[in-house]
């Protein structure tokens, strides 16, 4: 039977209900901060805003701290409450998702550091259109993955997984174009490389958003869909 939003509201212990709700809310709060980090990092790079980029780098420590606090709370719930079935899946899914959110924060900080480098070295002659387009897509994927978690919405989670495949293809196409450009104009190599590393970080953000969407499917359907094909994920969601 699929998990519903009301599945965690029927415990004898009201305190246990509150603990489960709190850990989920903490995940979503962390997610909101991470989502802003992604958007700010992209804007800092595209607009050559060194001050904004520095703020993104500095906020990464707060995200790391949130991950540790939420992980500790998940461990405490497992130790004290010994949750079973859907409750255990919720705690595990939260723990896995906060790890991916922390990684998204790390990748955002990397993009911000590349933005600072480009401010110092001069703008890249290529790659900003790709940064903006792929960046917008992975930021939206992060937002949709969190929405799917909040609503236990496997259809939205599936859309994130499908979008990740498109992002991967767009990333590969951008890489080919930028490598070709560097071969034709070696003077641009240093600056274009900064864009390439940024695009790599954005592609990884998409991967982590997909991971969170897979956590939602695991939470609702009770089936681990990591390392499975997109067709298998579709079957799991639609069955």
Protein backbone atom coordinates (compact mmCIF):
# COMPACT_ATOMS: atom_id res chain seq x y z
CA UNK A 1 0.00 0.00 0.00
CA UNK A 2 1.33 3.45 -0.91
CA UNK A 3 2.22 5.89 1.82
CA UNK A 4 -0.06 8.89 2.22
CA UNK A 5 0.46 12.21 3.95
CA UNK A 6 -1.68 10.99 6.87
CA UNK A 7 0.33 7.81 7.46
CA UNK A 8 2.53 9.37 10.16
CA UNK A 9 -0.28 10.87 12.23
CA UNK A 10 -1.71 7.83 14.02
CA UNK A 11 0.81 7.02 16.74
CA UNK A 12 -0.16 6.56 20.35
CA UNK A 13 2.63 8.97 21.24
CA UNK A 14 1.85 12.51 20.12
CA UNK A 15 5.47 13.36 20.84
CA UNK A 16 6.61 10.77 18.29
CA UNK A 17 4.30 12.37 15.71
CA UNK A 18 5.86 15.74 16.44
CA UNK A 19 9.41 14.38 16.19
CA UNK A 20 8.72 12.89 12.76
CA UNK A 21 7.07 16.09 11.56
CA UNK A 22 9.92 18.21 12.93
CA UNK A 23 12.64 16.23 11.21
CA UNK A 24 10.77 16.48 7.91
CA UNK A 25 10.27 20.23 8.39
CA UNK A 26 13.97 20.64 9.16
CA UNK A 27 14.80 18.92 5.87
CA UNK A 28 12.52 21.31 3.97
CA UNK A 29 13.99 24.32 5.78
CA UNK A 30 17.48 23.21 4.81
CA UNK A 31 16.21 22.63 1.28
CA UNK A 32 14.95 26.19 1.02
CA UNK A 33 18.36 27.54 1.98
CA UNK A 34 20.13 25.23 -0.48
CA UNK A 35 17.77 26.20 -3.29
CA UNK A 36 18.62 29.87 -2.71
CA UNK A 37 22.32 28.99 -2.74
CA UNK A 38 21.95 27.41 -6.18
CA UNK A 39 20.15 30.45 -7.59
CA UNK A 40 22.58 32.93 -6.04
CA UNK A 41 25.63 31.02 -7.30
CA UNK A 42 24.29 30.99 -10.86
CA UNK A 43 23.42 34.68 -10.71
CA UNK A 44 26.83 35.54 -9.27
CA UNK A 45 28.58 33.80 -12.14
CA UNK A 46 26.38 35.11 -14.96
CA UNK A 47 26.33 38.68 -13.60
CA UNK A 48 30.00 38.67 -12.47
CA UNK A 49 28.91 39.55 -8.92
CA UNK A 50 31.89 38.75 -6.72
CA UNK A 51 30.23 39.96 -3.51
CA UNK A 52 27.22 37.67 -4.01
CA UNK A 53 29.54 34.77 -4.82
CA UNK A 54 31.43 35.34 -1.57
CA UNK A 55 28.16 35.21 0.39
CA UNK A 56 27.35 31.85 -1.20
CA UNK A 57 30.74 30.48 -0.17
CA UNK A 58 30.31 31.75 3.40
CA UNK A 59 26.81 30.29 3.79
CA UNK A 60 28.04 26.79 2.96
CA UNK A 61 29.16 26.32 6.58
CA UNK A 62 25.58 26.89 7.79
CA UNK A 63 24.32 24.20 5.42
CA UNK A 64 26.95 21.76 6.68
CA UNK A 65 25.88 22.47 10.26
CA UNK A 66 22.21 21.87 9.42
CA UNK A 67 23.07 18.50 7.90
CA UNK A 68 24.82 17.42 11.09
CA UNK A 69 21.94 18.53 13.32
CA UNK A 70 19.29 16.76 11.24
CA UNK A 71 21.40 13.60 10.96
CA UNK A 72 21.80 13.58 14.72
CA UNK A 73 18.05 13.93 15.17
CA UNK A 74 17.42 11.01 12.77
CA UNK A 75 19.87 8.84 14.71
CA UNK A 76 18.18 9.80 17.99
CA UNK A 77 14.72 8.90 16.66
CA UNK A 78 15.94 5.49 15.48
CA UNK A 79 17.66 4.80 18.81
CA UNK A 80 14.80 5.95 21.06
CA UNK A 81 11.71 5.10 19.02
CA UNK A 82 12.88 2.08 17.01
CA UNK A 83 10.51 3.04 14.19
CA UNK A 84 9.17 0.39 11.82
CA UNK A 85 7.69 0.28 8.32
CA UNK A 86 6.78 3.69 6.87
CA UNK A 87 8.14 5.60 9.87
CA UNK A 88 11.56 4.01 9.46
CA UNK A 89 11.47 4.76 5.73
CA UNK A 90 10.72 8.41 6.50
CA UNK A 91 13.70 8.75 8.84
CA UNK A 92 16.02 6.98 6.40
CA UNK A 93 14.76 9.06 3.46
CA UNK A 94 15.30 12.29 5.40
CA UNK A 95 18.82 11.24 6.36
CA UNK A 96 19.70 10.42 2.75
CA UNK A 97 18.08 13.57 1.38
CA UNK A 98 19.93 15.91 3.75
CA UNK A 99 23.19 14.37 2.56
CA UNK A 100 22.26 15.20 -1.04
CA UNK A 101 21.23 18.72 -0.02
CA UNK A 102 24.62 19.21 1.64
CA UNK A 103 26.29 18.08 -1.59
CA UNK A 104 24.16 20.54 -3.59
CA UNK A 105 25.38 23.25 -1.21
CA UNK A 106 28.97 22.17 -1.85
CA UNK A 107 28.50 22.31 -5.62
CA UNK A 108 26.88 25.75 -5.34
CA UNK A 109 29.92 26.96 -3.40
CA UNK A 110 32.17 25.59 -6.18
CA UNK A 111 30.19 27.56 -8.77
CA UNK A 112 30.53 30.65 -6.58
CA UNK A 113 34.31 30.17 -6.36
CA UNK A 114 34.47 29.91 -10.15
CA UNK A 115 32.47 33.14 -10.33
CA UNK A 116 35.07 34.85 -8.15
CA UNK A 117 37.88 33.54 -10.39
CA UNK A 118 36.13 34.82 -13.50
CA UNK A 119 35.69 38.22 -11.88
CA UNK A 120 39.44 38.30 -11.29
CA UNK A 121 40.60 36.85 -14.64
CA UNK A 122 37.97 38.39 -16.92
CA UNK A 123 34.81 36.93 -18.40
CA UNK A 124 34.86 33.75 -20.44
CA UNK A 125 34.17 34.29 -24.16
CA UNK A 126 31.74 31.34 -24.15
CA UNK A 127 29.47 29.32 -21.92
CA UNK A 128 27.19 31.79 -20.16
CA UNK A 129 24.08 30.83 -22.11
CA UNK A 130 24.67 27.20 -21.12
CA UNK A 131 25.29 28.17 -17.49
CA UNK A 132 22.04 30.10 -17.33
CA UNK A 133 19.98 27.43 -19.06
CA UNK A 134 21.33 24.34 -17.27
CA UNK A 135 21.46 26.32 -14.03
CA UNK A 136 17.79 27.25 -14.25
CA UNK A 137 16.88 23.63 -14.94
CA UNK A 138 18.78 22.14 -11.99
CA UNK A 139 17.54 24.86 -9.63
CA UNK A 140 14.00 24.00 -10.67
CA UNK A 141 14.74 20.27 -10.26
CA UNK A 142 15.92 20.94 -6.70
CA UNK A 143 12.75 22.89 -5.97
CA UNK A 144 10.54 20.17 -7.48
CA UNK A 145 12.34 17.39 -5.58
CA UNK A 146 11.67 19.23 -2.31
CA UNK A 147 8.05 19.82 -3.28
CA UNK A 148 7.71 16.11 -4.03
CA UNK A 149 9.12 15.29 -0.58
CA UNK A 150 6.79 17.75 1.17
CA UNK A 151 3.71 16.38 -0.62
CA UNK A 152 4.84 12.72 -0.94
CA UNK A 153 4.19 13.22 -4.66
CA UNK A 154 5.78 10.42 -6.71
CA UNK A 155 4.65 11.87 -10.04
CA UNK A 156 6.60 15.08 -9.40
CA UNK A 157 9.53 12.95 -8.22
CA UNK A 158 9.38 11.02 -11.49
CA UNK A 159 9.45 14.28 -13.47
CA UNK A 160 12.69 15.23 -11.69
CA UNK A 161 14.29 11.91 -12.65
CA UNK A 162 13.20 12.40 -16.26
CA UNK A 163 14.52 15.97 -16.31
CA UNK A 164 17.92 14.76 -15.07
CA UNK A 165 18.35 12.69 -18.21
CA UNK A 166 17.72 15.79 -20.36
CA UNK A 167 20.18 17.84 -18.29
CA UNK A 168 22.86 15.17 -18.76
CA UNK A 169 22.41 15.33 -22.53
CA UNK A 170 22.51 19.13 -22.57
CA UNK A 171 25.64 19.07 -20.39
CA UNK A 172 27.44 16.69 -22.76
CA UNK A 173 26.55 18.89 -25.74
CA UNK A 174 27.84 22.02 -23.96
CA UNK A 175 31.10 20.24 -23.06
CA UNK A 176 31.76 19.32 -26.69
CA UNK A 177 31.18 22.89 -27.85
CA UNK A 178 33.40 24.43 -25.17
CA UNK A 179 36.27 21.97 -25.72
CA UNK A 180 36.12 22.69 -29.45
CA UNK A 181 36.22 26.43 -28.75
CA UNK A 182 39.29 26.08 -26.49
CA UNK A 183 41.11 24.12 -29.20
CA UNK A 184 40.41 26.90 -31.68
CA UNK A 185 41.39 29.69 -29.26
CA UNK A 186 44.00 28.50 -26.72
CA UNK A 187 44.18 31.99 -25.15
CA UNK A 188 40.71 31.39 -23.71
CA UNK A 189 41.50 28.06 -22.03
CA UNK A 190 41.83 29.29 -18.43
CA UNK A 191 38.61 31.27 -18.46
CA UNK A 192 36.58 28.66 -20.37
CA UNK A 193 37.79 25.99 -17.94
CA UNK A 194 36.19 27.95 -15.10
CA UNK A 195 32.88 27.74 -16.97
CA UNK A 196 33.40 24.02 -17.63
CA UNK A 197 33.97 23.32 -13.92
CA UNK A 198 30.84 25.34 -13.14
CA UNK A 199 28.79 23.36 -15.62
CA UNK A 200 30.13 20.15 -14.09
CA UNK A 201 28.94 21.31 -10.66
CA UNK A 202 25.51 22.18 -12.06
CA UNK A 203 25.23 18.74 -13.67
CA UNK A 204 26.03 17.18 -10.30
CA UNK A 205 23.35 19.32 -8.63
CA UNK A 206 20.90 17.73 -11.07
CA UNK A 207 22.16 14.28 -10.04
CA UNK A 208 21.60 15.09 -6.35
CA UNK A 209 18.10 16.43 -7.07
CA UNK A 210 17.35 13.15 -8.81
CA UNK A 211 18.65 11.27 -5.75
CA UNK A 212 16.19 13.18 -3.55
CA UNK A 213 13.36 12.34 -5.94
CA UNK A 214 14.35 8.66 -5.69
CA UNK A 215 14.19 8.99 -1.89
CA UNK A 216 10.59 10.17 -2.26
CA UNK A 217 9.73 7.15 -4.40
CA UNK A 218 11.36 4.86 -1.82
CA UNK A 219 9.46 6.57 0.97
CA UNK A 220 6.06 6.31 -0.72
CA UNK A 221 6.39 3.03 -2.63
CA UNK A 222 8.78 1.17 -0.32
CA UNK A 223 11.06 0.24 -3.22
CA UNK A 224 14.67 1.35 -3.68
CA UNK A 225 14.96 2.64 -7.26
CA UNK A 226 18.60 3.74 -7.11
CA UNK A 227 20.77 2.40 -9.95
CA UNK A 228 17.71 1.34 -11.94
CA UNK A 229 16.63 2.47 -15.39
CA UNK A 230 14.21 5.32 -15.94
CA UNK A 231 11.75 2.79 -17.40
CA UNK A 232 11.91 0.78 -14.14
CA UNK A 233 11.30 3.95 -12.11
CA UNK A 234 8.24 4.73 -14.26
CA UNK A 235 6.87 1.23 -13.63
CA UNK A 236 7.45 1.57 -9.87
CA UNK A 237 5.65 4.92 -9.73
CA UNK A 238 2.73 3.91 -11.94
CA UNK A 239 2.11 0.40 -10.57
